[in-house]
Amino acid sequence: MAQAAKAGAAKTDGFQPHPVKEQLPGVHYCVSSSPSWPEGILLGFQHYLVMLGSIILVSSILTPLMGGGNVEKAEMIQTLLFVSAINTLLQTWFGTRLPVVVGASYAFLIPAISTAFSRNLSIYVDPHRRFRQSMRVIQGSLIVASLLQIIIGFFGFWRIFARYLSPLSAVPLVTLTGLGLFAFGFPILVNCVEIGLPALVILIILSQYIPQTVNSRGADRFAIIVTIIITWALAEILTVAGAYDRRSPKTQLSCRTDRSGLITAAPWLRVPYPFQWGSPSFDAGDVFVTLAASVVAIIESTGTFLAAARYGSATHIPPSVLSRGVGWLGIGTLVAGFFGTGVGPTASVENAGLLGLTQIGSRRVIQIAAVFMLFFAILGKFGAFLASIPLPIVAALYCVLFGYVASAGLGFLQFCNLNSFRTLFILGFSLFMGLSVPQYFIQDILLFGQGPVHTGSTTFNNIVQVIFSSPPTVAIIVAYFLDSTLARGHASTGRDSGRHWWEKFRNFNQDNRTEEFYALPLKLNRFFPSF
């Protein structure tokens, strides 16, 4: 066997493997560079359209459960947009400074739904009042949860975690940050296959085939906008032609362009303001579940940060910068608690995927997108018009964008030794458990209406449900533990995990490129050297 291996190696000596790239090549604009203003504005608007989908999904799920109607849904969307704009600007100015949009987190859905169904709120018969009371309880929970994120970030606890994060551990984290959201892709697309499938096909043709054929950059850079225009027009034609008149209510809601109810419900002009639902109230059980969700949001945001750094052609994120970003994520959760968004913030996975699709990782483009969020959050009718895009179209976009984030995670395999059985075990086991464990927890919710953990404490049950329903959280727990403990004393362990590639980025000033991508504006690094 040994002789056969040597013979095989000799035959391949003439072939050179692809060299390792600390920065992704082929990116047109990196984090610190910017396209022209006209092009940047169009790209920023495209990022706004992409992040709008998750806000619509979250609002559509939560509002009816909390007792709200179309008016409350429109107000919730406006508030989420307004707060997302603020948090995106804070993150790109003072946080990681990466081109990430900070949007609505799905991790906070479980505590929000638990609050909506709590016995304390079932006494309110008036749906409008129950909605406001639910929002006030969620506000209080978010305010407390933000303090945990701020402590973890600004006091350097996440820096300690990041110092021991290897490329091997990052692979399942980033990969499942994208793959873990598969439920929001094709399953929603097939709710209206007549427009969802054409949207997916058109996006792939515009972004992958046409640029190779006609050698044009515009086709892939603005493929999202063109796809939405074409398929939305198709949906409008089918609606007017009566194609869905005799279909089920579920199909009509997914396919028709006149069923959202947002345009009539949204005001022309409304500025969200702090405590707009009333003074926040605090429930210990809801607070602890939201604390668990805030930790999950940190982990999922970390995966998105790593993907955004890759697609922005930046070097690896120094642990101090990653911890700084988590601290500002906590500030964002505090802002969300003040305004009452219903869910906490996280780094948007779909927008990180859009960086890969457009090959433009410019920070300025993301800041322009934040301006669009502010504009459409205040001018309600205009924002509601765009928010009425059928969700199957949005799901078709996610099929591609989430895939880009997953592939960013697989890109870290270049730093690892894939001929090591230790590496193969950690990769395979963490990826499998990251998909299998959340599936077990989620399917129990769908089949039986409750998770698999049945103790006397509903709070404890929900905490476990929040943590183990998140694929990247389960994956990083498994991978980080195994990578830190398995064959730790072996001489080749560190190199097999790729730690030596990221060693130069453990401290902020060790690599000259770090200053270009991650330095704070106005020379604020001198005042916050550890953040």
Protein backbone atom coordinates (compact mmCIF):
# COMPACT_ATOMS: atom_id res chain seq x y z
CA MET A 1 0.00 0.00 0.00
CA ALA A 2 2.81 2.39 0.90
CA GLN A 3 4.57 1.70 -2.40
CA ALA A 4 1.32 2.29 -4.32
CA ALA A 5 0.85 5.60 -2.53
CA LYS A 6 4.37 6.64 -3.40
CA ALA A 7 3.83 5.68 -7.02
CA GLY A 8 0.61 7.67 -7.15
CA ALA A 9 2.35 10.68 -5.64
CA ALA A 10 5.13 10.43 -8.19
CA LYS A 11 2.65 10.49 -11.06
CA THR A 12 1.09 13.73 -9.78
CA ASP A 13 4.36 15.55 -9.14
CA GLY A 14 3.89 17.47 -12.37
CA PHE A 15 0.61 18.97 -11.17
CA GLN A 16 0.72 21.90 -8.77
CA PRO A 17 -2.15 22.43 -6.35
CA HIS A 18 -4.00 25.73 -6.31
CA PRO A 19 -2.11 28.15 -4.06
CA VAL A 20 -3.66 29.31 -0.79
CA LYS A 21 -5.11 32.83 -0.99
CA GLU A 22 -5.49 34.81 2.23
CA GLN A 23 -7.56 37.33 0.25
CA LEU A 24 -10.11 36.20 -2.31
CA PRO A 25 -8.92 37.18 -5.82
CA GLY A 26 -11.25 38.40 -8.57
CA VAL A 27 -13.18 40.87 -6.40
CA HIS A 28 -13.84 44.08 -8.35
CA TYR A 29 -14.07 46.37 -5.31
CA CYS A 30 -12.77 45.37 -1.88
CA VAL A 31 -13.95 46.60 1.52
CA SER A 32 -12.07 49.89 1.41
CA SER A 33 -12.64 50.74 -2.29
CA SER A 34 -15.82 52.03 -3.93
CA PRO A 35 -17.49 51.98 -7.36
CA SER A 36 -18.75 55.17 -9.01
CA TRP A 37 -21.67 56.92 -7.30
CA PRO A 38 -24.33 55.95 -9.92
CA GLU A 39 -23.25 52.32 -9.80
CA GLY A 40 -22.94 52.40 -6.00
CA ILE A 41 -26.48 53.75 -5.64
CA LEU A 42 -27.92 50.97 -7.79
CA LEU A 43 -25.92 48.35 -5.90
CA GLY A 44 -27.06 49.82 -2.57
CA PHE A 45 -30.68 49.67 -3.70
CA GLN A 46 -30.13 46.04 -4.64
CA HIS A 47 -28.85 45.27 -1.13
CA TYR A 48 -31.94 46.99 0.26
CA LEU A 49 -34.23 44.77 -1.84
CA VAL A 50 -32.43 41.64 -0.67
CA MET A 51 -32.58 42.45 3.05
CA LEU A 52 -36.24 43.43 2.75
CA GLY A 53 -37.18 39.78 2.27
CA SER A 54 -36.15 38.66 5.77
CA ILE A 55 -37.97 41.61 7.34
CA ILE A 56 -41.16 40.71 5.45
CA LEU A 57 -40.84 37.06 6.51
CA VAL A 58 -40.30 37.88 10.17
CA SER A 59 -43.16 40.39 10.22
CA SER A 60 -45.50 38.02 8.40
CA ILE A 61 -44.81 35.28 10.95
CA LEU A 62 -44.95 37.35 14.13
CA THR A 63 -47.64 39.97 13.58
CA PRO A 64 -50.69 37.66 13.34
CA LEU A 65 -49.46 35.55 16.27
CA MET A 66 -49.23 38.67 18.41
CA GLY A 67 -52.73 39.80 17.43
CA GLY A 68 -51.78 42.41 14.86
CA GLY A 69 -53.27 43.07 11.42
CA ASN A 70 -51.99 44.74 8.29
CA VAL A 71 -51.58 48.11 10.02
CA GLU A 72 -49.39 46.62 12.76
CA LYS A 73 -47.49 44.59 10.17
CA ALA A 74 -46.73 47.73 8.16
CA GLU A 75 -45.58 49.55 11.31
CA MET A 76 -43.39 46.62 12.30
CA ILE A 77 -41.76 46.55 8.87
CA GLN A 78 -41.10 50.28 9.04
CA THR A 79 -39.58 49.96 12.50
CA LEU A 80 -37.37 47.04 11.47
CA LEU A 81 -36.15 48.97 8.44
CA PHE A 82 -35.42 52.08 10.48
CA VAL A 83 -33.50 50.20 13.18
CA SER A 84 -31.67 48.05 10.61
CA ALA A 85 -30.44 51.23 8.92
CA ILE A 86 -29.10 52.62 12.20
CA ASN A 87 -27.42 49.33 13.13
CA THR A 88 -25.91 48.87 9.68
CA LEU A 89 -24.32 52.32 9.82
CA LEU A 90 -23.02 51.68 13.35
CA GLN A 91 -21.53 48.33 12.33
CA THR A 92 -19.84 49.70 9.19
CA TRP A 93 -18.54 52.81 10.97
CA PHE A 94 -17.51 51.50 14.40
CA GLY A 95 -18.06 47.71 14.48
CA THR A 96 -16.18 45.26 12.28
CA ARG A 97 -16.24 47.87 9.44
CA LEU A 98 -17.06 45.02 7.08
CA PRO A 99 -19.70 45.41 4.33
CA VAL A 100 -22.48 43.71 6.30
CA VAL A 101 -26.13 44.67 6.57
CA VAL A 102 -27.54 44.23 10.08
CA GLY A 103 -31.08 42.93 9.70
CA ALA A 104 -33.69 40.84 11.49
CA SER A 105 -32.57 37.63 13.18
CA TYR A 106 -34.57 34.40 12.90
CA ALA A 107 -32.99 33.26 16.19
CA PHE A 108 -35.30 35.60 18.11
CA LEU A 109 -38.47 34.11 16.60
CA ILE A 110 -38.77 31.37 19.24
CA PRO A 111 -38.69 33.74 22.25
CA ALA A 112 -41.01 36.17 20.43
CA ILE A 113 -43.53 33.42 19.62
CA SER A 114 -43.26 32.12 23.18
CA THR A 115 -44.11 35.60 24.43
CA ALA A 116 -47.06 35.90 22.05
CA PHE A 117 -48.56 32.64 23.35
CA SER A 118 -47.82 33.23 27.04
CA ARG A 119 -50.67 33.00 29.53
CA ASN A 120 -50.06 36.52 30.78
CA LEU A 121 -51.05 37.93 27.39
CA SER A 122 -54.00 35.62 26.72
CA ILE A 123 -56.17 37.77 29.01
CA TYR A 124 -56.26 40.57 26.41
CA VAL A 125 -59.30 40.12 24.19
CA ASP A 126 -58.64 43.14 21.99
CA PRO A 127 -56.08 42.00 19.33
CA HIS A 128 -54.58 45.48 18.97
CA ARG A 129 -53.95 45.74 22.71
CA ARG A 130 -52.50 42.22 22.85
CA PHE A 131 -50.10 43.16 20.05
CA ARG A 132 -48.87 46.22 21.91
CA GLN A 133 -48.52 44.32 25.20
CA SER A 134 -46.60 41.52 23.45
CA MET A 135 -44.27 44.04 21.87
CA ARG A 136 -43.63 45.70 25.24
CA VAL A 137 -42.61 42.37 26.81
CA ILE A 138 -40.29 41.64 23.85
CA GLN A 139 -38.82 45.14 24.20
CA GLY A 140 -37.88 44.48 27.81
CA SER A 141 -36.30 41.13 26.94
CA LEU A 142 -34.23 42.66 24.13
CA ILE A 143 -32.96 45.45 26.37
CA VAL A 144 -31.69 42.95 28.95
CA ALA A 145 -30.28 40.61 26.29
CA SER A 146 -28.34 43.48 24.72
CA LEU A 147 -26.35 43.88 27.93
CA LEU A 148 -25.03 40.32 27.58
CA GLN A 149 -23.88 40.95 24.01
CA ILE A 150 -22.26 44.24 25.01
CA ILE A 151 -20.36 42.53 27.84
CA ILE A 152 -19.27 39.61 25.65
CA GLY A 153 -18.07 41.98 22.94
CA PHE A 154 -16.62 45.05 24.59
CA PHE A 155 -15.07 43.21 27.55
CA GLY A 156 -13.17 40.95 25.16
CA PHE A 157 -14.78 37.58 25.90
CA TRP A 158 -15.49 36.95 22.23
CA ARG A 159 -11.90 37.93 21.46
CA ILE A 160 -10.78 34.99 23.60
CA PHE A 161 -13.06 32.66 21.64
CA ALA A 162 -11.84 34.01 18.29
CA ARG A 163 -8.17 33.60 19.18
CA TYR A 164 -8.61 29.82 19.24
CA LEU A 165 -10.87 29.68 16.18
CA SER A 166 -9.09 27.81 13.41
CA PRO A 167 -9.97 27.53 9.71
CA LEU A 168 -11.09 23.97 10.45
CA SER A 169 -13.62 25.20 13.02
CA ALA A 170 -14.70 28.06 10.76
CA VAL A 171 -15.69 25.75 7.90
CA PRO A 172 -18.80 24.24 9.56
CA LEU A 173 -19.67 27.56 11.20
CA VAL A 174 -19.76 29.58 7.98
CA THR A 175 -21.05 26.77 5.79
CA LEU A 176 -24.07 26.10 7.99
CA THR A 177 -24.68 29.82 8.44
CA GLY A 178 -25.75 29.60 4.79
CA LEU A 179 -27.05 26.03 4.50
CA GLY A 180 -28.89 26.22 7.81
CA LEU A 181 -31.46 28.58 6.29
CA PHE A 182 -32.60 26.09 3.65
CA ALA A 183 -36.18 26.25 4.97
CA PHE A 184 -36.44 29.82 3.67
CA GLY A 185 -35.36 28.83 0.15
CA PHE A 186 -36.97 26.19 -2.05
CA PRO A 187 -39.81 25.27 0.37
CA ILE A 188 -41.13 28.85 0.09
CA LEU A 189 -40.32 29.03 -3.62
CA VAL A 190 -42.67 26.13 -4.43
CA ASN A 191 -45.59 27.88 -2.74
CA CYS A 192 -45.91 29.57 -6.13
CA VAL A 193 -43.76 27.64 -8.56
CA GLU A 194 -45.11 29.68 -11.52
CA ILE A 195 -43.08 32.71 -10.47
CA GLY A 196 -40.56 31.23 -8.04
CA LEU A 197 -38.94 28.79 -10.47
CA PRO A 198 -38.65 31.33 -13.33
CA ALA A 199 -37.05 33.76 -10.87
CA LEU A 200 -34.43 31.15 -9.93
CA VAL A 201 -33.70 30.26 -13.56
CA ILE A 202 -33.50 33.90 -14.67
CA LEU A 203 -31.14 34.79 -11.81
CA ILE A 204 -28.79 31.93 -12.65
CA ILE A 205 -28.76 32.83 -16.35
CA LEU A 206 -28.16 36.54 -15.70
CA SER A 207 -25.49 36.07 -13.04
CA GLN A 208 -23.60 33.05 -14.35
CA TYR A 209 -24.15 32.43 -18.07
CA ILE A 210 -24.61 35.83 -19.71
CA PRO A 211 -21.42 37.40 -18.21
CA GLN A 212 -19.41 34.47 -19.59
CA THR A 213 -21.04 34.84 -23.01
CA VAL A 214 -21.04 38.59 -23.62
CA ASN A 215 -18.23 39.52 -21.23
CA SER A 216 -20.40 42.10 -19.47
CA ARG A 217 -20.14 42.99 -15.79
CA GLY A 218 -23.54 44.65 -15.56
CA ALA A 219 -25.47 41.42 -16.05
CA ASP A 220 -24.16 39.84 -12.87
CA ARG A 221 -23.88 43.03 -10.81
CA PHE A 222 -27.54 43.94 -11.25
CA ALA A 223 -28.97 40.47 -11.78
CA ILE A 224 -31.12 40.74 -8.63
CA ILE A 225 -32.87 43.92 -9.78
CA VAL A 226 -33.52 42.59 -13.29
CA THR A 227 -34.80 39.26 -11.94
CA ILE A 228 -37.23 40.96 -9.55
CA ILE A 229 -38.55 43.29 -12.28
CA ILE A 230 -39.18 40.46 -14.76
CA THR A 231 -40.78 38.00 -12.34
CA TRP A 232 -42.78 40.64 -10.49
CA ALA A 233 -44.20 41.78 -13.83
CA LEU A 234 -44.99 38.14 -14.63
CA ALA A 235 -46.80 37.77 -11.30
CA GLU A 236 -48.80 40.94 -12.02
CA ILE A 237 -49.83 39.66 -15.46
CA LEU A 238 -50.93 36.31 -14.01
CA THR A 239 -52.88 38.08 -11.27
CA VAL A 240 -54.71 40.38 -13.67
CA ALA A 241 -55.40 37.50 -16.06
CA GLY A 242 -57.18 35.62 -13.27
CA ALA A 243 -54.77 32.68 -13.16
CA TYR A 244 -55.19 32.36 -9.39
CA ASP A 245 -58.87 33.21 -8.99
CA ARG A 246 -59.89 29.62 -8.28
CA ARG A 247 -56.78 28.54 -6.38
CA SER A 248 -56.52 27.91 -2.63
CA PRO A 249 -56.18 30.89 -0.25
CA LYS A 250 -52.60 29.84 0.54
CA THR A 251 -51.67 29.88 -3.15
CA GLN A 252 -53.35 33.22 -3.72
CA LEU A 253 -51.50 34.73 -0.78
CA SER A 254 -48.16 33.54 -2.18
CA CYS A 255 -48.78 34.26 -5.87
CA ARG A 256 -51.08 37.25 -6.20
CA THR A 257 -49.64 40.75 -6.12
CA ASP A 258 -52.75 42.28 -4.52
CA ARG A 259 -52.96 40.22 -1.33
CA SER A 260 -50.29 41.76 0.93
CA GLY A 261 -52.55 44.54 2.25
CA LEU A 262 -49.50 46.63 3.07
CA ILE A 263 -49.99 49.48 0.62
CA THR A 264 -53.39 50.47 1.98
CA ALA A 265 -52.36 49.89 5.60
CA ALA A 266 -49.08 51.83 5.53
CA PRO A 267 -49.11 55.58 6.26
CA TRP A 268 -47.62 58.05 3.81
CA LEU A 269 -45.22 59.44 6.40
CA ARG A 270 -44.25 57.93 9.75
CA VAL A 271 -41.04 58.16 11.76
CA PRO A 272 -40.53 55.27 14.21
CA TYR A 273 -39.55 56.45 17.69
CA PRO A 274 -38.39 54.85 20.96
CA PHE A 275 -41.03 53.19 23.14
CA GLN A 276 -43.70 53.71 20.48
CA TRP A 277 -45.62 50.70 21.83
CA GLY A 278 -45.41 51.91 25.42
CA SER A 279 -43.02 51.37 28.32
CA PRO A 280 -41.19 48.03 28.16
CA SER A 281 -42.14 45.34 30.64
CA PHE A 282 -39.90 42.57 31.92
CA ASP A 283 -40.66 38.88 32.42
CA ALA A 284 -37.87 36.71 33.82
CA GLY A 285 -38.74 33.65 31.72
CA ASP A 286 -38.87 35.59 28.47
CA VAL A 287 -35.63 37.38 29.33
CA PHE A 288 -33.67 34.13 29.78
CA VAL A 289 -34.93 32.71 26.48
CA THR A 290 -34.02 35.94 24.70
CA LEU A 291 -30.55 35.80 26.29
CA ALA A 292 -30.07 32.38 24.67
CA ALA A 293 -31.24 33.82 21.33
CA SER A 294 -28.75 36.68 21.68
CA VAL A 295 -25.88 34.18 22.02
CA VAL A 296 -27.11 32.34 18.92
CA ALA A 297 -27.25 35.70 17.08
CA ILE A 298 -23.61 36.31 18.02
CA ILE A 299 -22.55 32.94 16.61
CA GLU A 300 -24.54 33.32 13.41
CA SER A 301 -23.25 36.88 12.94
CA THR A 302 -19.69 35.61 13.37
CA GLY A 303 -20.24 33.21 10.49
CA THR A 304 -21.60 36.05 8.36
CA PHE A 305 -18.69 38.34 9.30
CA LEU A 306 -16.21 35.69 8.15
CA ALA A 307 -18.06 35.25 4.85
CA ALA A 308 -18.28 39.03 4.29
CA ALA A 309 -14.56 39.43 4.95
CA ARG A 310 -13.85 36.75 2.38
CA TYR A 311 -16.11 38.25 -0.30
CA GLY A 312 -14.81 41.73 0.50
CA SER A 313 -11.29 40.49 -0.32
CA ALA A 314 -10.18 41.40 3.21
CA THR A 315 -7.73 39.51 5.34
CA HIS A 316 -8.88 37.34 8.23
CA ILE A 317 -10.70 39.31 10.95
CA PRO A 318 -8.50 39.96 14.00
CA PRO A 319 -10.11 38.65 17.22
CA SER A 320 -10.25 42.16 18.70
CA VAL A 321 -12.21 43.43 15.66
CA LEU A 322 -14.60 40.49 15.82
CA SER A 323 -15.21 41.17 19.51
CA ARG A 324 -15.73 44.86 18.71
CA GLY A 325 -18.34 43.90 16.14
CA VAL A 326 -20.18 41.76 18.69
CA GLY A 327 -20.18 44.68 21.11
CA TRP A 328 -21.80 46.92 18.52
CA LEU A 329 -24.24 44.14 17.72
CA GLY A 330 -25.23 44.44 21.38
CA ILE A 331 -25.72 48.17 20.93
CA GLY A 332 -27.94 47.29 17.97
CA THR A 333 -30.01 44.93 20.12
CA LEU A 334 -30.40 47.73 22.66
CA VAL A 335 -31.64 50.06 19.92
CA ALA A 336 -34.04 47.34 18.75
CA GLY A 337 -35.33 47.06 22.30
CA PHE A 338 -35.89 50.80 22.56
CA PHE A 339 -37.80 51.01 19.27
CA GLY A 340 -39.64 47.70 19.58
CA THR A 341 -38.76 45.67 16.50
CA GLY A 342 -40.10 42.33 17.76
CA VAL A 343 -36.81 40.54 17.08
CA GLY A 344 -33.16 41.30 17.66
CA PRO A 345 -30.58 42.06 14.96
CA THR A 346 -27.98 39.90 13.28
CA ALA A 347 -25.60 40.24 10.36
CA SER A 348 -27.65 39.52 7.23
CA VAL A 349 -26.68 36.23 5.57
CA GLU A 350 -28.38 37.04 2.26
CA ASN A 351 -26.51 40.32 1.89
CA ALA A 352 -23.20 38.57 2.52
CA GLY A 353 -24.14 36.21 -0.30
CA LEU A 354 -24.90 39.19 -2.54
CA LEU A 355 -21.30 40.34 -2.07
CA GLY A 356 -20.21 37.10 -3.68
CA LEU A 357 -22.78 37.30 -6.47
CA THR A 358 -21.80 40.85 -7.49
CA GLN A 359 -18.09 40.43 -6.62
CA ILE A 360 -18.29 43.85 -4.99
CA GLY A 361 -17.48 44.04 -1.30
CA SER A 362 -17.48 47.80 -0.91
CA ARG A 363 -18.33 49.23 2.51
CA ARG A 364 -19.76 52.39 0.92
CA VAL A 365 -22.33 50.37 -1.04
CA ILE A 366 -23.70 48.94 2.21
CA GLN A 367 -23.89 52.39 3.74
CA ILE A 368 -25.87 53.58 0.71
CA ALA A 369 -28.22 50.63 1.29
CA ALA A 370 -28.72 51.89 4.86
CA VAL A 371 -29.80 55.27 3.47
CA PHE A 372 -32.42 53.50 1.34
CA MET A 373 -33.64 51.70 4.47
CA LEU A 374 -34.10 55.01 6.27
CA PHE A 375 -35.87 56.56 3.30
CA PHE A 376 -38.39 53.75 2.80
CA ALA A 377 -38.88 53.31 6.57
CA ILE A 378 -40.14 56.88 6.84
CA LEU A 379 -42.07 57.06 3.55
CA GLY A 380 -44.40 54.18 4.33
CA LYS A 381 -46.37 53.92 1.09
CA PHE A 382 -43.27 53.64 -1.07
CA GLY A 383 -41.70 51.09 1.26
CA ALA A 384 -44.94 49.08 1.38
CA PHE A 385 -45.04 48.93 -2.42
CA LEU A 386 -41.62 47.24 -2.52
CA ALA A 387 -42.51 45.08 0.48
CA SER A 388 -45.40 43.61 -1.52
CA ILE A 389 -42.99 41.59 -3.68
CA PRO A 390 -44.29 37.97 -3.63
CA LEU A 391 -42.25 35.87 -1.22
CA PRO A 392 -41.54 33.04 -3.71
CA ILE A 393 -39.47 35.55 -5.71
CA VAL A 394 -37.49 36.41 -2.59
CA ALA A 395 -37.04 32.69 -1.81
CA ALA A 396 -35.62 32.13 -5.30
CA LEU A 397 -32.98 34.79 -4.62
CA TYR A 398 -32.14 33.14 -1.30
CA CYS A 399 -31.46 29.80 -3.00
CA VAL A 400 -28.47 31.45 -4.70
CA LEU A 401 -27.39 33.90 -1.99
CA PHE A 402 -27.41 31.42 0.89
CA GLY A 403 -25.43 29.07 -1.32
CA TYR A 404 -22.74 31.71 -1.77
CA VAL A 405 -22.32 32.02 2.00
CA ALA A 406 -22.08 28.25 2.34
CA SER A 407 -19.37 28.16 -0.33
CA ALA A 408 -17.45 30.89 1.51
CA GLY A 409 -17.21 28.47 4.41
CA LEU A 410 -16.02 25.67 2.14
CA GLY A 411 -13.35 28.08 0.87
CA PHE A 412 -11.60 27.87 4.24
CA LEU A 413 -10.80 24.22 3.49
CA GLN A 414 -7.79 25.47 1.50
CA PHE A 415 -6.06 26.23 4.81
CA CYS A 416 -6.67 22.70 6.21
CA ASN A 417 -4.97 19.37 5.64
CA LEU A 418 -7.68 17.28 3.97
CA ASN A 419 -5.43 14.22 3.99
CA SER A 420 -5.67 14.03 7.78
CA PHE A 421 -8.21 11.62 9.27
CA ARG A 422 -8.55 13.94 12.25
CA THR A 423 -9.54 16.79 9.93
CA LEU A 424 -11.97 14.61 7.99
CA PHE A 425 -13.66 13.37 11.16
CA ILE A 426 -14.12 16.85 12.65
CA LEU A 427 -15.45 18.24 9.38
CA GLY A 428 -17.85 15.43 8.61
CA PHE A 429 -19.14 14.98 12.15
CA SER A 430 -19.69 18.67 12.87
CA LEU A 431 -21.44 19.28 9.54
CA PHE A 432 -23.68 16.24 9.97
CA MET A 433 -24.59 17.07 13.57
CA GLY A 434 -25.11 20.72 12.64
CA LEU A 435 -27.84 19.64 10.22
CA SER A 436 -29.20 16.58 12.04
CA VAL A 437 -29.68 17.95 15.57
CA PRO A 438 -31.63 21.10 14.54
CA GLN A 439 -33.79 18.97 12.23
CA TYR A 440 -34.73 16.81 15.22
CA PHE A 441 -35.64 19.84 17.32
CA ILE A 442 -37.55 21.61 14.55
CA GLN A 443 -39.53 18.60 13.36
CA ASP A 444 -40.90 18.05 16.87
CA ILE A 445 -42.18 21.63 16.86
CA LEU A 446 -43.87 21.08 13.49
CA LEU A 447 -45.37 17.69 14.37
CA PHE A 448 -46.29 18.09 18.02
CA GLY A 449 -46.32 21.86 18.60
CA GLN A 450 -43.50 21.66 21.15
CA GLY A 451 -39.85 20.75 21.28
CA PRO A 452 -38.41 17.39 22.35
CA VAL A 453 -37.33 18.68 25.78
CA HIS A 454 -40.19 18.35 28.29
CA THR A 455 -39.25 19.51 31.75
CA GLY A 456 -41.31 21.32 34.34
CA SER A 457 -39.78 24.63 33.25
CA THR A 458 -41.08 26.12 30.00
CA THR A 459 -38.23 28.62 30.11
CA PHE A 460 -35.59 25.89 30.17
CA ASN A 461 -37.36 24.02 27.36
CA ASN A 462 -37.34 27.14 25.18
CA ILE A 463 -33.68 27.90 25.95
CA VAL A 464 -32.65 24.43 24.78
CA GLN A 465 -34.91 24.78 21.75
CA VAL A 466 -33.34 28.11 20.75
CA ILE A 467 -29.77 26.84 21.01
CA PHE A 468 -30.18 23.48 19.32
CA SER A 469 -32.45 24.73 16.53
CA SER A 470 -29.56 26.74 15.08
CA PRO A 471 -27.36 24.72 12.66
CA PRO A 472 -24.28 26.99 12.88
CA THR A 473 -24.51 27.02 16.69
CA VAL A 474 -24.56 23.23 16.93
CA ALA A 475 -21.82 22.94 14.31
CA ILE A 476 -19.43 25.36 16.01
CA ILE A 477 -20.00 23.77 19.44
CA VAL A 478 -19.03 20.36 18.04
CA ALA A 479 -16.19 21.54 15.79
CA TYR A 480 -14.64 23.97 18.30
CA PHE A 481 -14.67 21.37 21.09
CA LEU A 482 -13.20 18.59 18.96
CA ASP A 483 -10.58 20.84 17.37
CA SER A 484 -9.48 22.06 20.82
CA THR A 485 -9.33 18.64 22.49
CA LEU A 486 -8.78 15.90 19.90
CA ALA A 487 -5.08 14.93 19.52
CA ARG A 488 -4.15 18.30 21.02
CA GLY A 489 -0.60 17.30 21.88
CA HIS A 490 0.27 15.96 18.42
CA ALA A 491 2.86 18.03 16.57
CA SER A 492 0.87 18.26 13.33
CA THR A 493 -2.50 19.15 14.87
CA GLY A 494 -2.10 22.92 14.57
CA ARG A 495 -0.98 22.77 10.96
CA ASP A 496 -3.71 20.30 10.00
CA SER A 497 -6.30 22.74 11.37
CA GLY A 498 -4.71 25.65 9.49
CA ARG A 499 -3.97 27.68 12.63
CA HIS A 500 -0.62 28.86 11.28
CA TRP A 501 -2.34 30.70 8.42
CA TRP A 502 -4.32 32.87 10.84
CA GLU A 503 -1.58 33.27 13.44
CA LYS A 504 -0.43 36.60 11.96
CA PHE A 505 -3.91 38.09 12.44
CA ARG A 506 -4.29 37.26 16.15
CA ASN A 507 -3.16 40.77 17.09
CA PHE A 508 -4.34 43.90 15.32
CA ASN A 509 -0.93 45.32 14.36
CA GLN A 510 0.78 42.11 13.29
CA ASP A 511 -0.17 42.45 9.61
CA ASN A 512 0.08 45.69 7.63
CA ARG A 513 -3.16 44.99 5.75
CA THR A 514 -5.30 44.94 8.89
CA GLU A 515 -5.21 48.72 9.23
CA GLU A 516 -6.61 49.16 5.72
CA PHE A 517 -9.71 47.04 6.29
CA TYR A 518 -10.54 47.25 9.99
CA ALA A 519 -9.17 50.50 11.45
CA LEU A 520 -11.76 52.76 13.08
CA PRO A 521 -12.41 56.17 11.48
CA LEU A 522 -11.05 59.39 12.95
CA LYS A 523 -8.11 57.47 14.46
CA LEU A 524 -10.34 56.10 17.22
CA ASN A 525 -8.14 53.00 17.52
CA ARG A 526 -5.86 54.88 19.89
CA PHE A 527 -8.77 55.25 22.33
CA PHE A 528 -10.10 51.70 21.91
CA PRO A 529 -6.99 49.57 21.37
CA SER A 530 -8.53 46.36 22.77
CA PHE A 531 -11.88 46.74 21.04
